[in-house]
Amino acid sequence: MPRAHRAISNLKAWMHGTHRGVSDEHLPVYLDEYVFRHNRRDTPMAAFQTLLGLSAVHPPTTYRQITRRAA
């Protein structure tokens, strides 16, 4: 299981280095971002192209939408 340990270690280092604090409420969003970056680590332009394509199709997300609690 060395690969799993390395992936978890990299995740923890990324979270501590980038976000400084992660709440349980927003943890799924941070994990989605990590997986997105991890899956595109070998082709740096792929992440940019994916984000560019998504931004062309979807409207911007507002702060209210991000912080709104699920009903």
PDB file of N, CA and C in Angstrom:
ATOM      1  N   MET A   1       0.804  -1.195   0.000  1.00  0.00           N
ATOM      2  CA  MET A   1       0.000   0.000   0.000  1.00  0.00           C
ATOM      3  C   MET A   1       0.851   1.267   0.000  1.00  0.00           C
ATOM      4  N   PRO A   2       2.077   1.217  -0.493  1.00  0.00           N
ATOM      5  CA  PRO A   2       2.889   2.434  -0.472  1.00  0.00           C
ATOM      6  C   PRO A   2       2.312   3.563  -1.317  1.00  0.00           C
ATOM      7  N   ARG A   3       1.634   3.227  -2.412  1.00  0.00           N
ATOM      8  CA  ARG A   3       1.050   4.277  -3.252  1.00  0.00           C
ATOM      9  C   ARG A   3      -0.078   4.997  -2.532  1.00  0.00           C
ATOM     10  N   ALA A   4      -0.893   4.245  -1.808  1.00  0.00           N
ATOM     11  CA  ALA A   4      -1.991   4.867  -1.046  1.00  0.00           C
ATOM     12  C   ALA A   4      -1.430   5.778   0.034  1.00  0.00           C
ATOM     13  N   HIS A   5      -0.392   5.349   0.718  1.00  0.00           N
ATOM     14  CA  HIS A   5       0.230   6.174   1.759  1.00  0.00           C
ATOM     15  C   HIS A   5       0.838   7.439   1.154  1.00  0.00           C
ATOM     16  N   ARG A   6       1.452   7.297   0.001  1.00  0.00           N
ATOM     17  CA  ARG A   6       2.050   8.461  -0.653  1.00  0.00           C
ATOM     18  C   ARG A   6       0.970   9.452  -1.088  1.00  0.00           C
ATOM     19  N   ALA A   7      -0.131   8.932  -1.634  1.00  0.00           N
ATOM     20  CA  ALA A   7      -1.226   9.806  -2.072  1.00  0.00           C
ATOM     21  C   ALA A   7      -1.829  10.561  -0.890  1.00  0.00           C
ATOM     22  N   ILE A   8      -2.023   9.872   0.221  1.00  0.00           N
ATOM     23  CA  ILE A   8      -2.579  10.526   1.413  1.00  0.00           C
ATOM     24  C   ILE A   8      -1.589  11.535   1.969  1.00  0.00           C
ATOM     25  N   SER A   9      -0.325  11.199   1.976  1.00  0.00           N
ATOM     26  CA  SER A   9       0.701  12.124   2.443  1.00  0.00           C
ATOM     27  C   SER A   9       0.747  13.372   1.574  1.00  0.00           C
ATOM     28  N   ASN A  10       0.676  13.191   0.254  1.00  0.00           N
ATOM     29  CA  ASN A  10       0.664  14.330  -0.660  1.00  0.00           C
ATOM     30  C   ASN A  10      -0.579  15.189  -0.465  1.00  0.00           C
ATOM     31  N   LEU A  11      -1.712  14.549  -0.232  1.00  0.00           N
ATOM     32  CA  LEU A  11      -2.955  15.280   0.029  1.00  0.00           C
ATOM     33  C   LEU A  11      -2.823  16.134   1.286  1.00  0.00           C
ATOM     34  N   LYS A  12      -2.313  15.541   2.351  1.00  0.00           N
ATOM     35  CA  LYS A  12      -2.149  16.281   3.606  1.00  0.00           C
ATOM     36  C   LYS A  12      -1.178  17.445   3.445  1.00  0.00           C
ATOM     37  N   ALA A  13      -0.071  17.226   2.752  1.00  0.00           N
ATOM     38  CA  ALA A  13       0.903  18.295   2.532  1.00  0.00           C
ATOM     39  C   ALA A  13       0.291  19.410   1.689  1.00  0.00           C
ATOM     40  N   TRP A  14      -0.472  19.059   0.675  1.00  0.00           N
ATOM     41  CA  TRP A  14      -1.119  20.052  -0.179  1.00  0.00           C
ATOM     42  C   TRP A  14      -2.131  20.874   0.623  1.00  0.00           C
ATOM     43  N   MET A  15      -2.927  20.202   1.437  1.00  0.00           N
ATOM     44  CA  MET A  15      -3.934  20.923   2.230  1.00  0.00           C
ATOM     45  C   MET A  15      -3.284  21.867   3.231  1.00  0.00           C
ATOM     46  N   HIS A  16      -2.259  21.390   3.919  1.00  0.00           N
ATOM     47  CA  HIS A  16      -1.592  22.244   4.920  1.00  0.00           C
ATOM     48  C   HIS A  16      -0.854  23.400   4.249  1.00  0.00           C
ATOM     49  N   GLY A  17      -0.287  23.159   3.096  1.00  0.00           N
ATOM     50  CA  GLY A  17       0.485  24.190   2.422  1.00  0.00           C
ATOM     51  C   GLY A  17      -0.358  25.197   1.667  1.00  0.00           C
ATOM     52  N   THR A  18      -1.515  24.769   1.195  1.00  0.00           N
ATOM     53  CA  THR A  18      -2.336  25.645   0.361  1.00  0.00           C
ATOM     54  C   THR A  18      -3.478  26.296   1.125  1.00  0.00           C
ATOM     55  N   HIS A  19      -4.165  25.545   1.930  1.00  0.00           N
ATOM     56  CA  HIS A  19      -5.411  26.031   2.525  1.00  0.00           C
ATOM     57  C   HIS A  19      -5.317  26.383   4.006  1.00  0.00           C
ATOM     58  N   ARG A  20      -4.319  25.928   4.685  1.00  0.00           N
ATOM     59  CA  ARG A  20      -4.090  26.231   6.112  1.00  0.00           C
ATOM     60  C   ARG A  20      -5.160  25.712   7.052  1.00  0.00           C
ATOM     61  N   GLY A  21      -6.372  25.615   6.617  1.00  0.00           N
ATOM     62  CA  GLY A  21      -7.440  25.087   7.457  1.00  0.00           C
ATOM     63  C   GLY A  21      -8.578  24.610   6.580  1.00  0.00           C
ATOM     64  N   VAL A  22      -9.117  23.454   6.896  1.00  0.00           N
ATOM     65  CA  VAL A  22     -10.183  22.876   6.094  1.00  0.00           C
ATOM     66  C   VAL A  22     -11.299  22.452   7.034  1.00  0.00           C
ATOM     67  N   SER A  23     -12.490  22.986   6.794  1.00  0.00           N
ATOM     68  CA  SER A  23     -13.632  22.606   7.633  1.00  0.00           C
ATOM     69  C   SER A  23     -14.270  21.330   7.076  1.00  0.00           C
ATOM     70  N   ASP A  24     -14.940  20.612   7.943  1.00  0.00           N
ATOM     71  CA  ASP A  24     -15.637  19.397   7.514  1.00  0.00           C
ATOM     72  C   ASP A  24     -16.688  19.715   6.458  1.00  0.00           C
ATOM     73  N   GLU A  25     -17.277  20.896   6.568  1.00  0.00           N
ATOM     74  CA  GLU A  25     -18.329  21.301   5.649  1.00  0.00           C
ATOM     75  C   GLU A  25     -17.822  21.431   4.214  1.00  0.00           C
ATOM     76  N   HIS A  26     -16.594  21.927   4.047  1.00  0.00           N
ATOM     77  CA  HIS A  26     -16.056  22.153   2.712  1.00  0.00           C
ATOM     78  C   HIS A  26     -15.052  21.092   2.262  1.00  0.00           C
ATOM     79  N   LEU A  27     -14.837  20.076   3.064  1.00  0.00           N
ATOM     80  CA  LEU A  27     -13.870  19.039   2.729  1.00  0.00           C
ATOM     81  C   LEU A  27     -14.125  18.385   1.370  1.00  0.00           C
ATOM     82  N   PRO A  28     -15.374  18.059   1.004  1.00  0.00           N
ATOM     83  CA  PRO A  28     -15.589  17.441  -0.317  1.00  0.00           C
ATOM     84  C   PRO A  28     -15.120  18.312  -1.482  1.00  0.00           C
ATOM     85  N   VAL A  29     -15.264  19.622  -1.350  1.00  0.00           N
ATOM     86  CA  VAL A  29     -14.832  20.523  -2.423  1.00  0.00           C
ATOM     87  C   VAL A  29     -13.313  20.515  -2.534  1.00  0.00           C
ATOM     88  N   TYR A  30     -12.617  20.534  -1.398  1.00  0.00           N
ATOM     89  CA  TYR A  30     -11.158  20.492  -1.412  1.00  0.00           C
ATOM     90  C   TYR A  30     -10.657  19.166  -1.991  1.00  0.00           C
ATOM     91  N   LEU A  31     -11.320  18.072  -1.636  1.00  0.00           N
ATOM     92  CA  LEU A  31     -10.925  16.769  -2.170  1.00  0.00           C
ATOM     93  C   LEU A  31     -11.159  16.707  -3.674  1.00  0.00           C
ATOM     94  N   ASP A  32     -12.272  17.287  -4.148  1.00  0.00           N
ATOM     95  CA  ASP A  32     -12.521  17.337  -5.595  1.00  0.00           C
ATOM     96  C   ASP A  32     -11.416  18.105  -6.308  1.00  0.00           C
ATOM     97  N   GLU A  33     -10.979  19.224  -5.716  1.00  0.00           N
ATOM     98  CA  GLU A  33      -9.904  20.010  -6.333  1.00  0.00           C
ATOM     99  C   GLU A  33      -8.609  19.210  -6.378  1.00  0.00           C
ATOM    100  N   TYR A  34      -8.306  18.510  -5.286  1.00  0.00           N
ATOM    101  CA  TYR A  34      -7.077  17.718  -5.241  1.00  0.00           C
ATOM    102  C   TYR A  34      -7.097  16.617  -6.312  1.00  0.00           C
ATOM    103  N   VAL A  35      -8.220  15.935  -6.422  1.00  0.00           N
ATOM    104  CA  VAL A  35      -8.336  14.864  -7.418  1.00  0.00           C
ATOM    105  C   VAL A  35      -8.210  15.437  -8.831  1.00  0.00           C
ATOM    106  N   PHE A  36      -8.838  16.596  -9.063  1.00  0.00           N
ATOM    107  CA  PHE A  36      -8.742  17.253 -10.363  1.00  0.00           C
ATOM    108  C   PHE A  36      -7.282  17.532 -10.701  1.00  0.00           C
ATOM    109  N   ARG A  37      -6.542  18.108  -9.758  1.00  0.00           N
ATOM    110  CA  ARG A  37      -5.131  18.439  -9.995  1.00  0.00           C
ATOM    111  C   ARG A  37      -4.281  17.178 -10.136  1.00  0.00           C
ATOM    112  N   HIS A  38      -4.557  16.179  -9.286  1.00  0.00           N
ATOM    113  CA  HIS A  38      -3.779  14.936  -9.312  1.00  0.00           C
ATOM    114  C   HIS A  38      -3.943  14.211 -10.655  1.00  0.00           C
ATOM    115  N   ASN A  39      -5.155  14.168 -11.157  1.00  0.00           N
ATOM    116  CA  ASN A  39      -5.415  13.466 -12.417  1.00  0.00           C
ATOM    117  C   ASN A  39      -4.788  14.157 -13.616  1.00  0.00           C
ATOM    118  N   ARG A  40      -4.433  15.425 -13.465  1.00  0.00           N
ATOM    119  CA  ARG A  40      -3.856  16.176 -14.582  1.00  0.00           C
ATOM    120  C   ARG A  40      -2.410  16.587 -14.316  1.00  0.00           C
ATOM    121  N   ARG A  41      -1.760  15.939 -13.383  1.00  0.00           N
ATOM    122  CA  ARG A  41      -0.409  16.335 -12.976  1.00  0.00           C
ATOM    123  C   ARG A  41       0.642  16.125 -14.058  1.00  0.00           C
ATOM    124  N   ASP A  42       0.420  15.196 -14.962  1.00  0.00           N
ATOM    125  CA  ASP A  42       1.411  14.914 -16.008  1.00  0.00           C
ATOM    126  C   ASP A  42       1.278  15.835 -17.216  1.00  0.00           C
ATOM    127  N   THR A  43       0.129  16.474 -17.353  1.00  0.00           N
ATOM    128  CA  THR A  43      -0.100  17.392 -18.472  1.00  0.00           C
ATOM    129  C   THR A  43      -0.649  18.710 -17.916  1.00  0.00           C
ATOM    130  N   PRO A  44       0.232  19.626 -17.546  1.00  0.00           N
ATOM    131  CA  PRO A  44      -0.194  20.862 -16.891  1.00  0.00           C
ATOM    132  C   PRO A  44      -1.203  21.680 -17.697  1.00  0.00           C
ATOM    133  N   MET A  45      -1.097  21.668 -19.006  1.00  0.00           N
ATOM    134  CA  MET A  45      -2.030  22.453 -19.821  1.00  0.00           C
ATOM    135  C   MET A  45      -3.421  21.828 -19.857  1.00  0.00           C
ATOM    136  N   ALA A  46      -3.535  20.543 -19.542  1.00  0.00           N
ATOM    137  CA  ALA A  46      -4.844  19.883 -19.565  1.00  0.00           C
ATOM    138  C   ALA A  46      -5.778  20.493 -18.532  1.00  0.00           C
ATOM    139  N   ALA A  47      -5.266  20.811 -17.364  1.00  0.00           N
ATOM    140  CA  ALA A  47      -6.104  21.425 -16.327  1.00  0.00           C
ATOM    141  C   ALA A  47      -6.603  22.779 -16.793  1.00  0.00           C
ATOM    142  N   PHE A  48      -5.722  23.574 -17.369  1.00  0.00           N
ATOM    143  CA  PHE A  48      -6.111  24.894 -17.862  1.00  0.00           C
ATOM    144  C   PHE A  48      -7.154  24.768 -18.969  1.00  0.00           C
ATOM    145  N   GLN A  49      -6.930  23.855 -19.891  1.00  0.00           N
ATOM    146  CA  GLN A  49      -7.874  23.681 -20.991  1.00  0.00           C
ATOM    147  C   GLN A  49      -9.227  23.195 -20.491  1.00  0.00           C
ATOM    148  N   THR A  50      -9.230  22.308 -19.505  1.00  0.00           N
ATOM    149  CA  THR A  50     -10.486  21.825 -18.929  1.00  0.00           C
ATOM    150  C   THR A  50     -11.236  22.964 -18.252  1.00  0.00           C
ATOM    151  N   LEU A  51     -10.528  23.747 -17.439  1.00  0.00           N
ATOM    152  CA  LEU A  51     -11.164  24.873 -16.766  1.00  0.00           C
ATOM    153  C   LEU A  51     -11.667  25.902 -17.762  1.00  0.00           C
ATOM    154  N   LEU A  52     -10.899  26.160 -18.797  1.00  0.00           N
ATOM    155  CA  LEU A  52     -11.309  27.112 -19.821  1.00  0.00           C
ATOM    156  C   LEU A  52     -12.575  26.627 -20.519  1.00  0.00           C
ATOM    157  N   GLY A  53     -12.614  25.350 -20.847  1.00  0.00           N
ATOM    158  CA  GLY A  53     -13.808  24.779 -21.481  1.00  0.00           C
ATOM    159  C   GLY A  53     -15.022  24.829 -20.577  1.00  0.00           C
ATOM    160  N   LEU A  54     -14.844  24.506 -19.297  1.00  0.00           N
ATOM    161  CA  LEU A  54     -15.962  24.556 -18.351  1.00  0.00           C
ATOM    162  C   LEU A  54     -16.470  25.978 -18.164  1.00  0.00           C
ATOM    163  N   SER A  55     -15.553  26.935 -18.123  1.00  0.00           N
ATOM    164  CA  SER A  55     -15.969  28.323 -17.924  1.00  0.00           C
ATOM    165  C   SER A  55     -16.711  28.868 -19.144  1.00  0.00           C
ATOM    166  N   ALA A  56     -16.475  28.306 -20.295  1.00  0.00           N
ATOM    167  CA  ALA A  56     -17.177  28.751 -21.488  1.00  0.00           C
ATOM    168  C   ALA A  56     -18.606  28.213 -21.527  1.00  0.00           C
ATOM    169  N   VAL A  57     -18.854  27.116 -20.821  1.00  0.00           N
ATOM    170  CA  VAL A  57     -20.161  26.460 -20.869  1.00  0.00           C
ATOM    171  C   VAL A  57     -21.051  26.840 -19.685  1.00  0.00           C
ATOM    172  N   HIS A  58     -20.449  27.031 -18.507  1.00  0.00           N
ATOM    173  CA  HIS A  58     -21.208  27.278 -17.288  1.00  0.00           C
ATOM    174  C   HIS A  58     -21.124  28.735 -16.856  1.00  0.00           C
ATOM    175  N   PRO A  59     -22.208  29.257 -16.267  1.00  0.00           N
ATOM    176  CA  PRO A  59     -22.138  30.625 -15.736  1.00  0.00           C
ATOM    177  C   PRO A  59     -21.265  30.661 -14.480  1.00  0.00           C
ATOM    178  N   PRO A  60     -20.782  31.830 -14.093  1.00  0.00           N
ATOM    179  CA  PRO A  60     -19.946  31.925 -12.890  1.00  0.00           C
ATOM    180  C   PRO A  60     -20.716  31.509 -11.639  1.00  0.00           C
ATOM    181  N   THR A  61     -19.997  30.972 -10.677  1.00  0.00           N
ATOM    182  CA  THR A  61     -20.578  30.614  -9.393  1.00  0.00           C
ATOM    183  C   THR A  61     -20.399  31.782  -8.444  1.00  0.00           C
ATOM    184  N   THR A  62     -21.481  32.166  -7.776  1.00  0.00           N
ATOM    185  CA  THR A  62     -21.406  33.298  -6.855  1.00  0.00           C
ATOM    186  C   THR A  62     -20.948  32.833  -5.477  1.00  0.00           C
ATOM    187  N   TYR A  63     -20.508  33.781  -4.691  1.00  0.00           N
ATOM    188  CA  TYR A  63     -20.094  33.472  -3.316  1.00  0.00           C
ATOM    189  C   TYR A  63     -21.270  32.898  -2.532  1.00  0.00           C
ATOM    190  N   ARG A  64     -22.447  33.427  -2.757  1.00  0.00           N
ATOM    191  CA  ARG A  64     -23.645  32.945  -2.054  1.00  0.00           C
ATOM    192  C   ARG A  64     -23.904  31.471  -2.376  1.00  0.00           C
ATOM    193  N   GLN A  65     -23.709  31.077  -3.631  1.00  0.00           N
ATOM    194  CA  GLN A  65     -23.911  29.676  -4.010  1.00  0.00           C
ATOM    195  C   GLN A  65     -22.892  28.767  -3.334  1.00  0.00           C
ATOM    196  N   ILE A  66     -21.673  29.252  -3.202  1.00  0.00           N
ATOM    197  CA  ILE A  66     -20.610  28.447  -2.578  1.00  0.00           C
ATOM    198  C   ILE A  66     -20.864  28.261  -1.093  1.00  0.00           C
ATOM    199  N   THR A  67     -21.334  29.309  -0.436  1.00  0.00           N
ATOM    200  CA  THR A  67     -21.482  29.267   1.021  1.00  0.00           C
ATOM    201  C   THR A  67     -22.875  28.879   1.483  1.00  0.00           C
ATOM    202  N   ARG A  68     -23.808  28.698   0.571  1.00  0.00           N
ATOM    203  CA  ARG A  68     -25.172  28.338   0.933  1.00  0.00           C
ATOM    204  C   ARG A  68     -25.194  26.945   1.546  1.00  0.00           C
ATOM    205  N   ARG A  69     -25.930  26.815   2.600  1.00  0.00           N
ATOM    206  CA  ARG A  69     -26.068  25.507   3.262  1.00  0.00           C
ATOM    207  C   ARG A  69     -27.153  24.688   2.551  1.00  0.00           C
ATOM    208  N   ALA A  70     -26.904  23.395   2.466  1.00  0.00           N
ATOM    209  CA  ALA A  70     -27.885  22.504   1.830  1.00  0.00           C
ATOM    210  C   ALA A  70     -29.148  22.439   2.680  1.00  0.00           C
ATOM    211  N   ALA A  71     -30.280  22.434   2.034  1.00  0.00           N
ATOM    212  CA  ALA A  71     -31.554  22.402   2.755  1.00  0.00           C
ATOM    213  C   ALA A  71     -31.966  20.999   3.102  1.00  0.00           C
TER     214      ALA A  71
END
